[in-house]
Amino acid sequence: MTAIVRRFYARLSLEKAGRTLVFWLLLLVVMASVVFGLGAVTDELDVGSLLLAVVLGIVVGWLLAGLELSGWVAGLVVVTLGAVVLVVRVGYLEDELIALVRVVWWLPGQVWDWVFGGGPVDLSAGQTALRSLVGDVEILVLRWVNWLLTTIDGNPVYDPAAATLTWGMGLWPLTVWSGWRLRQHRPLLSLAPAGAVLVVSLYGVRAGVFSLLPLLGAMLTLMAISWHDARERRWEEEGIDFNRFIWGDLARRVATLSLVLV
């Protein structure tokens, strides 16, 4: 009997993990549609960097929704992570950051050896990595300021890094918001801002609406399965017995119906 109960709860945990993965994948389809739609109307965008930021934003928003943080703390976390992710990715600063992290990682061991009679602490590698990182960040910021000023002046320069950084600063909070609100079972409130950004962007340049199709299909599916997931959670709180594995069948049927409607 105990083994049966264990298998049941193991299957239930696996099923819940599967639900989370489905939510993430569908939300990724929505946000990727926005990124590719913007990339189609803006030649300067680095779509790969924005997609990576979108993936990380979904995870950050989802995790923040599960933490009991005050508004200003959550906002500080979002702004800090967004700045680091975007600057590092858009500026291709991964090598410098990894080198700096490696130096910090080995620093306690060097200090330990020095305290017990070893050689002196060597900070030259860390200083070199830090100078390189700071210099590259300064160059990126200057490029962004120059691009922004020339754009406002009506004579924009071609700078993919600056354009990607600008759009990334707009998409990052939208993505975090989407993951956060979706976990709270507010699918329409979660997805509406991102959809509105894409619609306005496509309308502004009279572009084709193909990128709206996967977005609409994923939105319809997410709304249905998120609302049903909220109902199941309410039934659990009220002690109502129900088939806990009907969600998967519902998701397949809703996905098919959404595809037909789109």
Protein backbone atom coordinates (compact mmCIF):
# COMPACT_ATOMS: atom_id res chain seq x y z
CA MET A 1 0.00 0.00 0.00
CA THR A 2 2.82 2.37 0.88
CA ALA A 3 4.54 1.69 -2.43
CA ILE A 4 1.35 2.51 -4.31
CA VAL A 5 1.00 5.81 -2.46
CA ARG A 6 4.62 6.68 -3.19
CA ARG A 7 4.18 5.94 -6.89
CA PHE A 8 1.04 8.07 -6.93
CA TYR A 9 2.74 11.08 -5.39
CA ALA A 10 5.80 10.62 -7.60
CA ARG A 11 3.55 10.61 -10.64
CA LEU A 12 1.69 13.64 -9.29
CA SER A 13 4.96 15.56 -8.79
CA LEU A 14 6.08 14.63 -12.30
CA GLU A 15 2.73 15.78 -13.67
CA LYS A 16 3.05 19.15 -11.93
CA ALA A 17 6.58 19.57 -13.30
CA GLY A 18 5.19 18.79 -16.74
CA ARG A 19 2.55 21.48 -16.32
CA THR A 20 5.19 24.05 -15.44
CA LEU A 21 7.22 23.08 -18.50
CA VAL A 22 4.13 23.44 -20.73
CA PHE A 23 3.43 26.88 -19.28
CA TRP A 24 7.03 27.94 -19.89
CA LEU A 25 7.09 26.64 -23.47
CA LEU A 26 3.82 28.32 -24.41
CA LEU A 27 4.92 31.56 -22.81
CA LEU A 28 8.18 31.28 -24.72
CA VAL A 29 6.18 30.95 -27.96
CA VAL A 30 4.34 34.16 -27.10
CA MET A 31 7.46 36.14 -26.28
CA ALA A 32 9.47 34.66 -29.17
CA SER A 33 6.67 35.76 -31.51
CA VAL A 34 7.11 39.29 -30.17
CA VAL A 35 10.89 39.14 -30.66
CA PHE A 36 10.70 37.75 -34.21
CA GLY A 37 7.94 40.22 -35.06
CA LEU A 38 10.09 43.12 -33.89
CA GLY A 39 13.07 41.65 -35.71
CA ALA A 40 11.06 41.61 -38.93
CA VAL A 41 10.33 45.34 -38.72
CA THR A 42 13.67 46.43 -37.22
CA ASP A 43 16.75 45.28 -39.09
CA GLU A 44 19.14 46.37 -36.33
CA LEU A 45 17.96 43.92 -33.69
CA ASP A 46 20.09 41.03 -32.47
CA VAL A 47 17.27 38.50 -32.22
CA GLY A 48 19.45 35.85 -30.56
CA SER A 49 20.36 38.11 -27.64
CA LEU A 50 16.73 39.12 -27.14
CA LEU A 51 15.60 35.47 -27.18
CA LEU A 52 18.11 34.61 -24.45
CA ALA A 53 16.88 37.56 -22.38
CA VAL A 54 13.30 36.41 -22.90
CA VAL A 55 14.06 32.88 -21.69
CA LEU A 56 15.78 34.18 -18.55
CA GLY A 57 12.99 36.72 -17.98
CA ILE A 58 10.33 34.00 -18.02
CA VAL A 59 12.22 31.99 -15.40
CA VAL A 60 12.88 35.05 -13.22
CA GLY A 61 9.25 36.16 -13.31
CA TRP A 62 8.00 32.67 -12.52
CA LEU A 63 10.37 32.29 -9.57
CA LEU A 64 9.59 35.76 -8.20
CA ALA A 65 5.88 34.91 -8.18
CA GLY A 66 6.65 32.07 -5.77
CA LEU A 67 8.54 34.31 -3.35
CA GLU A 68 6.95 36.62 -0.83
CA LEU A 69 8.91 39.74 -1.68
CA SER A 70 7.88 43.33 -1.20
CA GLY A 71 7.29 45.40 -4.31
CA TRP A 72 10.48 47.44 -4.10
CA VAL A 73 12.65 44.38 -3.46
CA ALA A 74 11.15 42.53 -6.43
CA GLY A 75 11.60 45.63 -8.58
CA LEU A 76 15.24 45.97 -7.52
CA VAL A 77 15.89 42.32 -8.37
CA VAL A 78 14.25 42.69 -11.78
CA VAL A 79 16.14 45.87 -12.68
CA THR A 80 19.51 44.53 -11.50
CA LEU A 81 19.20 41.17 -13.25
CA GLY A 82 17.87 42.81 -16.40
CA ALA A 83 20.76 45.25 -16.57
CA VAL A 84 23.35 42.51 -16.06
CA VAL A 85 21.78 40.10 -18.55
CA LEU A 86 21.30 42.69 -21.29
CA VAL A 87 24.66 44.43 -20.95
CA VAL A 88 26.60 41.16 -20.80
CA ARG A 89 24.73 39.53 -23.69
CA VAL A 90 24.43 42.53 -26.00
CA GLY A 91 28.03 43.55 -25.37
CA TYR A 92 29.31 39.96 -25.68
CA LEU A 93 31.01 40.27 -22.33
CA GLU A 94 30.68 36.62 -21.30
CA ASP A 95 34.42 35.90 -21.49
CA GLU A 96 35.35 38.88 -19.30
CA LEU A 97 32.65 38.03 -16.76
CA ILE A 98 33.69 34.37 -16.61
CA ALA A 99 37.33 35.37 -16.12
CA LEU A 100 36.37 37.70 -13.26
CA VAL A 101 34.18 35.04 -11.62
CA ARG A 102 37.02 32.52 -11.90
CA VAL A 103 39.39 34.89 -10.09
CA VAL A 104 36.86 35.53 -7.32
CA TRP A 105 36.23 31.78 -7.01
CA TRP A 106 39.91 31.00 -6.41
CA LEU A 107 40.58 34.05 -4.22
CA PRO A 108 39.67 32.41 -0.85
CA GLY A 109 42.15 29.61 -1.56
CA GLN A 110 44.91 32.10 -2.31
CA VAL A 111 44.13 34.03 0.88
CA TRP A 112 44.22 30.77 2.86
CA ASP A 113 47.62 29.86 1.45
CA TRP A 114 48.94 33.37 2.17
CA VAL A 115 47.75 33.27 5.80
CA PHE A 116 49.55 29.97 6.38
CA GLY A 117 52.83 30.99 4.84
CA GLY A 118 52.16 30.53 1.16
CA GLY A 119 52.93 32.92 -1.66
CA PRO A 120 51.35 36.38 -1.98
CA VAL A 121 47.83 36.80 -3.29
CA ASP A 122 47.93 37.40 -7.04
CA LEU A 123 45.21 39.84 -8.11
CA SER A 124 46.66 40.73 -11.49
CA ALA A 125 44.31 38.46 -13.44
CA GLY A 126 41.31 39.87 -11.62
CA GLN A 127 42.44 43.45 -12.19
CA THR A 128 42.93 42.78 -15.90
CA ALA A 129 39.51 41.14 -16.24
CA LEU A 130 37.84 43.95 -14.29
CA ARG A 131 39.49 46.70 -16.37
CA SER A 132 38.49 44.94 -19.59
CA LEU A 133 34.91 44.47 -18.37
CA VAL A 134 34.52 48.09 -17.22
CA GLY A 135 36.04 49.40 -20.44
CA ASP A 136 33.69 47.34 -22.63
CA VAL A 137 30.68 48.42 -20.56
CA GLU A 138 31.68 52.09 -20.95
CA ILE A 139 31.99 51.66 -24.72
CA LEU A 140 28.56 50.02 -24.90
CA VAL A 141 26.97 52.79 -22.84
CA LEU A 142 28.56 55.47 -25.01
CA ARG A 143 27.32 53.73 -28.16
CA TRP A 144 23.83 53.54 -26.70
CA VAL A 145 23.81 57.24 -25.70
CA ASN A 146 25.08 58.26 -29.14
CA TRP A 147 22.47 56.11 -30.89
CA LEU A 148 19.71 57.49 -28.68
CA LEU A 149 20.71 61.12 -29.25
CA THR A 150 20.99 60.72 -33.02
CA THR A 151 17.65 58.91 -33.14
CA ILE A 152 15.96 61.72 -31.21
CA ASP A 153 17.65 64.22 -33.54
CA GLY A 154 16.15 62.44 -36.55
CA ASN A 155 19.44 61.16 -37.98
CA PRO A 156 19.86 57.71 -36.41
CA VAL A 157 23.10 55.79 -36.88
CA TYR A 158 23.15 52.08 -37.62
CA ASP A 159 24.08 50.37 -34.33
CA PRO A 160 22.59 46.90 -33.72
CA ALA A 161 23.97 46.72 -30.17
CA ALA A 162 22.35 50.00 -29.12
CA ALA A 163 19.02 49.13 -30.76
CA THR A 164 19.00 45.67 -29.19
CA LEU A 165 19.84 47.11 -25.78
CA THR A 166 16.97 49.60 -26.07
CA TRP A 167 14.39 47.01 -27.10
CA GLY A 168 15.76 44.62 -24.51
CA MET A 169 15.17 47.16 -21.75
CA GLY A 170 11.56 47.31 -22.88
CA LEU A 171 11.00 43.57 -23.36
CA TRP A 172 12.71 42.44 -20.15
CA PRO A 173 10.12 43.85 -17.69
CA LEU A 174 7.30 42.68 -20.00
CA THR A 175 8.70 39.15 -19.98
CA VAL A 176 9.19 39.08 -16.21
CA TRP A 177 5.66 40.45 -15.80
CA SER A 178 4.29 37.70 -18.05
CA GLY A 179 5.95 34.89 -16.09
CA TRP A 180 4.97 36.42 -12.76
CA ARG A 181 1.30 36.98 -13.61
CA LEU A 182 0.92 33.65 -15.39
CA ARG A 183 2.01 31.76 -12.29
CA GLN A 184 -0.64 33.72 -10.40
CA HIS A 185 -3.22 32.43 -12.92
CA ARG A 186 -3.79 35.81 -14.58
CA PRO A 187 -3.17 34.75 -18.20
CA LEU A 188 -4.91 37.64 -19.94
CA LEU A 189 -3.26 40.23 -17.70
CA SER A 190 0.03 38.40 -18.19
CA LEU A 191 0.06 38.31 -21.99
CA ALA A 192 -1.85 41.43 -23.02
CA PRO A 193 1.09 43.91 -22.68
CA ALA A 194 3.43 41.83 -24.86
CA GLY A 195 0.72 41.29 -27.45
CA ALA A 196 -0.06 45.00 -27.50
CA VAL A 197 3.61 45.87 -28.12
CA LEU A 198 3.75 43.56 -31.13
CA VAL A 199 0.42 44.75 -32.56
CA VAL A 200 1.39 48.44 -32.28
CA SER A 201 4.83 47.77 -33.79
CA LEU A 202 3.41 45.88 -36.77
CA TYR A 203 0.70 48.46 -37.30
CA GLY A 204 3.16 51.34 -37.19
CA VAL A 205 5.09 50.07 -40.21
CA ARG A 206 2.16 48.32 -41.93
CA ALA A 207 3.98 44.99 -41.66
CA GLY A 208 2.48 41.54 -42.18
CA VAL A 209 0.68 39.89 -39.29
CA PHE A 210 2.14 36.38 -39.62
CA SER A 211 4.02 36.67 -36.32
CA LEU A 212 0.69 37.26 -34.57
CA LEU A 213 -0.55 33.77 -35.43
CA PRO A 214 1.66 31.69 -33.08
CA LEU A 215 1.18 34.37 -30.43
CA LEU A 216 -2.61 34.09 -30.65
CA GLY A 217 -2.53 30.29 -30.63
CA ALA A 218 -0.30 30.15 -27.56
CA MET A 219 -2.36 32.83 -25.80
CA LEU A 220 -5.63 30.95 -26.33
CA THR A 221 -4.09 27.71 -25.07
CA LEU A 222 -2.48 29.37 -22.06
CA MET A 223 -5.69 31.11 -21.05
CA ALA A 224 -7.67 27.85 -21.09
CA ILE A 225 -5.18 25.63 -19.27
CA SER A 226 -4.21 28.34 -16.76
CA TRP A 227 -7.82 28.94 -15.78
CA HIS A 228 -8.38 25.18 -15.43
CA ASP A 229 -5.24 24.87 -13.30
CA ALA A 230 -6.60 27.61 -11.04
CA ARG A 231 -9.89 25.70 -10.73
CA GLU A 232 -8.06 22.53 -9.74
CA ARG A 233 -6.13 24.38 -7.06
CA ARG A 234 -9.38 25.79 -5.70
CA TRP A 235 -10.93 22.32 -5.68
CA GLU A 236 -7.93 21.02 -3.74
CA GLU A 237 -8.34 23.76 -1.11
CA GLU A 238 -12.06 22.96 -0.79
CA GLY A 239 -11.47 19.21 -0.56
CA ILE A 240 -13.35 18.39 -3.76
CA ASP A 241 -12.39 15.08 -5.35
CA PHE A 242 -11.53 15.18 -9.06
CA ASN A 243 -9.41 13.43 -11.68
CA ARG A 244 -5.97 14.95 -11.21
CA PHE A 245 -4.69 13.81 -14.58
CA ILE A 246 -7.41 15.22 -16.81
CA TRP A 247 -5.33 18.38 -17.30
CA GLY A 248 -3.13 16.74 -19.92
CA ASP A 249 -6.10 15.64 -22.03
CA LEU A 250 -7.61 19.11 -21.71
CA ALA A 251 -4.33 20.72 -22.82
CA ARG A 252 -4.19 18.57 -25.97
CA ARG A 253 -7.79 19.32 -26.90
CA VAL A 254 -7.40 23.05 -26.25
CA ALA A 255 -4.20 23.20 -28.28
CA THR A 256 -5.95 21.53 -31.21
CA LEU A 257 -8.94 23.85 -30.98
CA SER A 258 -6.66 26.91 -30.74
CA LEU A 259 -4.81 25.78 -33.86
CA VAL A 260 -8.09 25.45 -35.75
CA LEU A 261 -9.30 28.85 -34.59
CA VAL A 262 -6.02 30.56 -35.56
